């Protein structure tokens, strides 16, 4: 148990670096581009609906 307590900062750092790297790979994979483009356009959908209603 003392080993974990003594090395907690480096374990935490390695965990967050690994998490960051996994997120970068997940976000920038080619398959996810269309999904994130759709998410980026969500704020404009309401404007399009209002323009159609007028």
PDB file of N, CA and C in Angstrom:
ATOM      1  N   UNK A   1       0.826  -1.198   0.000  1.00  0.00           N
ATOM      2  CA  UNK A   1       0.000   0.000   0.000  1.00  0.00           C
ATOM      3  C   UNK A   1       0.866   1.256   0.000  1.00  0.00           C
ATOM      4  N   UNK A   2       1.994   1.225   0.671  1.00  0.00           N
ATOM      5  CA  UNK A   2       2.875   2.391   0.696  1.00  0.00           C
ATOM      6  C   UNK A   2       3.408   2.713  -0.697  1.00  0.00           C
ATOM      7  N   UNK A   3       3.616   1.671  -1.525  1.00  0.00           N
ATOM      8  CA  UNK A   3       4.139   1.899  -2.868  1.00  0.00           C
ATOM      9  C   UNK A   3       3.154   2.727  -3.687  1.00  0.00           C
ATOM     10  N   UNK A   4       1.874   2.416  -3.559  1.00  0.00           N
ATOM     11  CA  UNK A   4       0.850   3.163  -4.303  1.00  0.00           C
ATOM     12  C   UNK A   4       0.808   4.614  -3.834  1.00  0.00           C
ATOM     13  N   UNK A   5       0.869   4.825  -2.538  1.00  0.00           N
ATOM     14  CA  UNK A   5       0.822   6.183  -1.995  1.00  0.00           C
ATOM     15  C   UNK A   5       2.062   6.969  -2.413  1.00  0.00           C
ATOM     16  N   UNK A   6       3.214   6.330  -2.382  1.00  0.00           N
ATOM     17  CA  UNK A   6       4.453   7.009  -2.742  1.00  0.00           C
ATOM     18  C   UNK A   6       4.500   7.363  -4.231  1.00  0.00           C
ATOM     19  N   UNK A   7       3.897   6.561  -5.056  1.00  0.00           N
ATOM     20  CA  UNK A   7       3.960   6.769  -6.503  1.00  0.00           C
ATOM     21  C   UNK A   7       2.649   7.284  -7.096  1.00  0.00           C
ATOM     22  N   UNK A   8       1.755   7.772  -6.275  1.00  0.00           N
ATOM     23  CA  UNK A   8       0.461   8.254  -6.753  1.00  0.00           C
ATOM     24  C   UNK A   8       0.585   9.374  -7.796  1.00  0.00           C
ATOM     25  N   UNK A   9       1.497  10.336  -7.625  1.00  0.00           N
ATOM     26  CA  UNK A   9       1.580  11.394  -8.654  1.00  0.00           C
ATOM     27  C   UNK A   9       1.958  10.858 -10.035  1.00  0.00           C
ATOM     28  N   UNK A  10       2.915   9.956 -10.118  1.00  0.00           N
ATOM     29  CA  UNK A  10       3.326   9.430 -11.417  1.00  0.00           C
ATOM     30  C   UNK A  10       2.248   8.516 -11.997  1.00  0.00           C
ATOM     31  N   UNK A  11       1.554   7.775 -11.148  1.00  0.00           N
ATOM     32  CA  UNK A  11       0.454   6.925 -11.621  1.00  0.00           C
ATOM     33  C   UNK A  11      -0.661   7.792 -12.184  1.00  0.00           C
ATOM     34  N   UNK A  12      -1.000   8.855 -11.489  1.00  0.00           N
ATOM     35  CA  UNK A  12      -2.024   9.777 -11.974  1.00  0.00           C
ATOM     36  C   UNK A  12      -1.617  10.432 -13.277  1.00  0.00           C
ATOM     37  N   UNK A  13      -0.362  10.849 -13.372  1.00  0.00           N
ATOM     38  CA  UNK A  13       0.132  11.468 -14.600  1.00  0.00           C
ATOM     39  C   UNK A  13       0.048  10.490 -15.764  1.00  0.00           C
ATOM     40  N   UNK A  14       0.474   9.263 -15.578  1.00  0.00           N
ATOM     41  CA  UNK A  14       0.421   8.260 -16.636  1.00  0.00           C
ATOM     42  C   UNK A  14      -1.020   7.957 -17.034  1.00  0.00           C
ATOM     43  N   UNK A  15      -1.914   7.906 -16.064  1.00  0.00           N
ATOM     44  CA  UNK A  15      -3.324   7.667 -16.348  1.00  0.00           C
ATOM     45  C   UNK A  15      -3.890   8.779 -17.228  1.00  0.00           C
ATOM     46  N   UNK A  16      -3.645  10.035 -16.867  1.00  0.00           N
ATOM     47  CA  UNK A  16      -4.212  11.141 -17.626  1.00  0.00           C
ATOM     48  C   UNK A  16      -3.559  11.304 -18.994  1.00  0.00           C
ATOM     49  N   UNK A  17      -2.276  11.002 -19.123  1.00  0.00           N
ATOM     50  CA  UNK A  17      -1.637  11.039 -20.436  1.00  0.00           C
ATOM     51  C   UNK A  17      -2.233   9.957 -21.323  1.00  0.00           C
ATOM     52  N   UNK A  18      -2.415   8.754 -20.784  1.00  0.00           N
ATOM     53  CA  UNK A  18      -3.014   7.667 -21.556  1.00  0.00           C
ATOM     54  C   UNK A  18      -4.446   8.023 -21.952  1.00  0.00           C
ATOM     55  N   UNK A  19      -5.202   8.601 -21.039  1.00  0.00           N
ATOM     56  CA  UNK A  19      -6.574   9.012 -21.334  1.00  0.00           C
ATOM     57  C   UNK A  19      -6.594  10.065 -22.441  1.00  0.00           C
ATOM     58  N   UNK A  20      -5.711  11.038 -22.360  1.00  0.00           N
ATOM     59  CA  UNK A  20      -5.624  12.080 -23.370  1.00  0.00           C
ATOM     60  C   UNK A  20      -5.287  11.495 -24.739  1.00  0.00           C
ATOM     61  N   UNK A  21      -4.348  10.581 -24.782  1.00  0.00           N
ATOM     62  CA  UNK A  21      -3.953   9.976 -26.054  1.00  0.00           C
ATOM     63  C   UNK A  21      -5.103   9.166 -26.656  1.00  0.00           C
ATOM     64  N   UNK A  22      -5.832   8.439 -25.836  1.00  0.00           N
ATOM     65  CA  UNK A  22      -6.982   7.672 -26.325  1.00  0.00           C
ATOM     66  C   UNK A  22      -8.042   8.621 -26.876  1.00  0.00           C
ATOM     67  N   UNK A  23      -8.290   9.725 -26.195  1.00  0.00           N
ATOM     68  CA  UNK A  23      -9.287  10.686 -26.671  1.00  0.00           C
ATOM     69  C   UNK A  23      -8.864  11.325 -27.993  1.00  0.00           C
ATOM     70  N   UNK A  24      -7.585  11.642 -28.139  1.00  0.00           N
ATOM     71  CA  UNK A  24      -7.096  12.235 -29.384  1.00  0.00           C
ATOM     72  C   UNK A  24      -7.281  11.261 -30.538  1.00  0.00           C
ATOM     73  N   UNK A  25      -6.931  10.003 -30.329  1.00  0.00           N
ATOM     74  CA  UNK A  25      -7.090   8.996 -31.380  1.00  0.00           C
ATOM     75  C   UNK A  25      -8.568   8.817 -31.709  1.00  0.00           C
ATOM     76  N   UNK A  26      -9.420   8.794 -30.692  1.00  0.00           N
ATOM     77  CA  UNK A  26     -10.855   8.593 -30.905  1.00  0.00           C
ATOM     78  C   UNK A  26     -11.485   9.758 -31.682  1.00  0.00           C
ATOM     79  N   UNK A  27     -11.097  10.982 -31.340  1.00  0.00           N
ATOM     80  CA  UNK A  27     -11.693  12.155 -31.980  1.00  0.00           C
ATOM     81  C   UNK A  27     -11.206  12.316 -33.413  1.00  0.00           C
ATOM     82  N   UNK A  28      -9.943  12.053 -33.674  1.00  0.00           N
ATOM     83  CA  UNK A  28      -9.376  12.314 -34.992  1.00  0.00           C
ATOM     84  C   UNK A  28      -9.382  11.116 -35.927  1.00  0.00           C
ATOM     85  N   UNK A  29     -10.059  10.044 -35.576  1.00  0.00           N
ATOM     86  CA  UNK A  29     -10.145   8.927 -36.518  1.00  0.00           C
ATOM     87  C   UNK A  29     -11.050   9.339 -37.681  1.00  0.00           C
ATOM     88  N   UNK A  30     -10.769   8.858 -38.865  1.00  0.00           N
ATOM     89  CA  UNK A  30     -11.532   9.294 -40.042  1.00  0.00           C
ATOM     90  C   UNK A  30     -13.021   8.973 -39.956  1.00  0.00           C
ATOM     91  N   UNK A  31     -13.369   7.917 -39.293  1.00  0.00           N
ATOM     92  CA  UNK A  31     -14.754   7.492 -39.206  1.00  0.00           C
ATOM     93  C   UNK A  31     -15.636   8.491 -38.449  1.00  0.00           C
ATOM     94  N   UNK A  32     -15.055   9.263 -37.542  1.00  0.00           N
ATOM     95  CA  UNK A  32     -15.853  10.146 -36.695  1.00  0.00           C
ATOM     96  C   UNK A  32     -16.031  11.545 -37.266  1.00  0.00           C
ATOM     97  N   UNK A  33     -15.441  11.848 -38.412  1.00  0.00           N
ATOM     98  CA  UNK A  33     -15.522  13.198 -38.965  1.00  0.00           C
ATOM     99  C   UNK A  33     -16.964  13.630 -39.234  1.00  0.00           C
ATOM    100  N   UNK A  34     -17.752  12.772 -39.844  1.00  0.00           N
ATOM    101  CA  UNK A  34     -19.129  13.134 -40.179  1.00  0.00           C
ATOM    102  C   UNK A  34     -19.950  13.414 -38.913  1.00  0.00           C
ATOM    103  N   UNK A  35     -19.761  12.598 -37.891  1.00  0.00           N
ATOM    104  CA  UNK A  35     -20.500  12.782 -36.647  1.00  0.00           C
ATOM    105  C   UNK A  35     -20.172  14.125 -36.010  1.00  0.00           C
ATOM    106  N   UNK A  36     -18.889  14.475 -35.952  1.00  0.00           N
ATOM    107  CA  UNK A  36     -18.499  15.738 -35.329  1.00  0.00           C
ATOM    108  C   UNK A  36     -18.875  16.936 -36.196  1.00  0.00           C
ATOM    109  N   UNK A  37     -18.918  16.762 -37.510  1.00  0.00           N
ATOM    110  CA  UNK A  37     -19.422  17.842 -38.363  1.00  0.00           C
ATOM    111  C   UNK A  37     -20.901  18.091 -38.076  1.00  0.00           C
ATOM    112  N   UNK A  38     -21.661  17.026 -37.879  1.00  0.00           N
ATOM    113  CA  UNK A  38     -23.080  17.189 -37.515  1.00  0.00           C
ATOM    114  C   UNK A  38     -23.227  17.889 -36.172  1.00  0.00           C
ATOM    115  N   UNK A  39     -22.394  17.518 -35.199  1.00  0.00           N
ATOM    116  CA  UNK A  39     -22.436  18.178 -33.894  1.00  0.00           C
ATOM    117  C   UNK A  39     -22.086  19.658 -34.020  1.00  0.00           C
ATOM    118  N   UNK A  40     -21.144  19.992 -34.896  1.00  0.00           N
ATOM    119  CA  UNK A  40     -20.724  21.384 -35.056  1.00  0.00           C
ATOM    120  C   UNK A  40     -21.838  22.237 -35.645  1.00  0.00           C
ATOM    121  N   UNK A  41     -22.749  21.628 -36.374  1.00  0.00           N
ATOM    122  CA  UNK A  41     -23.816  22.391 -37.023  1.00  0.00           C
ATOM    123  C   UNK A  41     -25.103  22.464 -36.203  1.00  0.00           C
ATOM    124  N   UNK A  42     -25.136  21.894 -35.037  1.00  0.00           N
ATOM    125  CA  UNK A  42     -26.339  21.918 -34.200  1.00  0.00           C
ATOM    126  C   UNK A  42     -26.828  23.343 -33.916  1.00  0.00           C
ATOM    127  N   UNK A  43     -25.955  24.303 -33.592  1.00  0.00           N
ATOM    128  CA  UNK A  43     -26.474  25.655 -33.320  1.00  0.00           C
ATOM    129  C   UNK A  43     -27.167  26.298 -34.517  1.00  0.00           C
ATOM    130  N   UNK A  44     -26.807  25.895 -35.722  1.00  0.00           N
ATOM    131  CA  UNK A  44     -27.388  26.506 -36.913  1.00  0.00           C
ATOM    132  C   UNK A  44     -28.716  25.880 -37.313  1.00  0.00           C
ATOM    133  N   UNK A  45     -29.038  24.724 -36.780  1.00  0.00           N
ATOM    134  CA  UNK A  45     -30.292  24.057 -37.141  1.00  0.00           C
ATOM    135  C   UNK A  45     -31.508  24.879 -36.717  1.00  0.00           C
ATOM    136  N   UNK A  46     -31.431  25.515 -35.557  1.00  0.00           N
ATOM    137  CA  UNK A  46     -32.543  26.335 -35.093  1.00  0.00           C
ATOM    138  C   UNK A  46     -32.743  27.528 -36.022  1.00  0.00           C
ATOM    139  N   UNK A  47     -31.647  28.117 -36.499  1.00  0.00           N
ATOM    140  CA  UNK A  47     -31.754  29.248 -37.426  1.00  0.00           C
ATOM    141  C   UNK A  47     -32.409  28.806 -38.731  1.00  0.00           C
ATOM    142  N   UNK A  48     -32.069  27.613 -39.200  1.00  0.00           N
ATOM    143  CA  UNK A  48     -32.666  27.111 -40.435  1.00  0.00           C
ATOM    144  C   UNK A  48     -34.159  26.886 -40.263  1.00  0.00           C
ATOM    145  N   UNK A  49     -34.561  26.357 -39.085  1.00  0.00           N
ATOM    146  CA  UNK A  49     -35.982  26.130 -38.821  1.00  0.00           C
ATOM    147  C   UNK A  49     -36.741  27.454 -38.769  1.00  0.00           C
ATOM    148  N   UNK A  50     -36.150  28.477 -38.147  1.00  0.00           N
ATOM    149  CA  UNK A  50     -36.802  29.773 -38.071  1.00  0.00           C
ATOM    150  C   UNK A  50     -36.930  30.398 -39.458  1.00  0.00           C
ATOM    151  N   UNK A  51     -35.930  30.224 -40.296  1.00  0.00           N
ATOM    152  CA  UNK A  51     -35.971  30.794 -41.647  1.00  0.00           C
ATOM    153  C   UNK A  51     -37.058  30.114 -42.482  1.00  0.00           C
ATOM    154  N   UNK A  52     -37.254  28.820 -42.292  1.00  0.00           N
ATOM    155  CA  UNK A  52     -38.300  28.109 -43.030  1.00  0.00           C
ATOM    156  C   UNK A  52     -39.690  28.536 -42.574  1.00  0.00           C
ATOM    157  N   UNK A  53     -39.846  28.830 -41.285  1.00  0.00           N
ATOM    158  CA  UNK A  53     -41.148  29.194 -40.739  1.00  0.00           C
ATOM    159  C   UNK A  53     -41.583  30.588 -41.183  1.00  0.00           C
ATOM    160  N   UNK A  54     -40.666  31.439 -41.492  1.00  0.00           N
ATOM    161  CA  UNK A  54     -41.014  32.834 -41.857  1.00  0.00           C
ATOM    162  C   UNK A  54     -41.500  32.951 -43.247  1.00  0.00           C
TER     163      UNK A  54
END
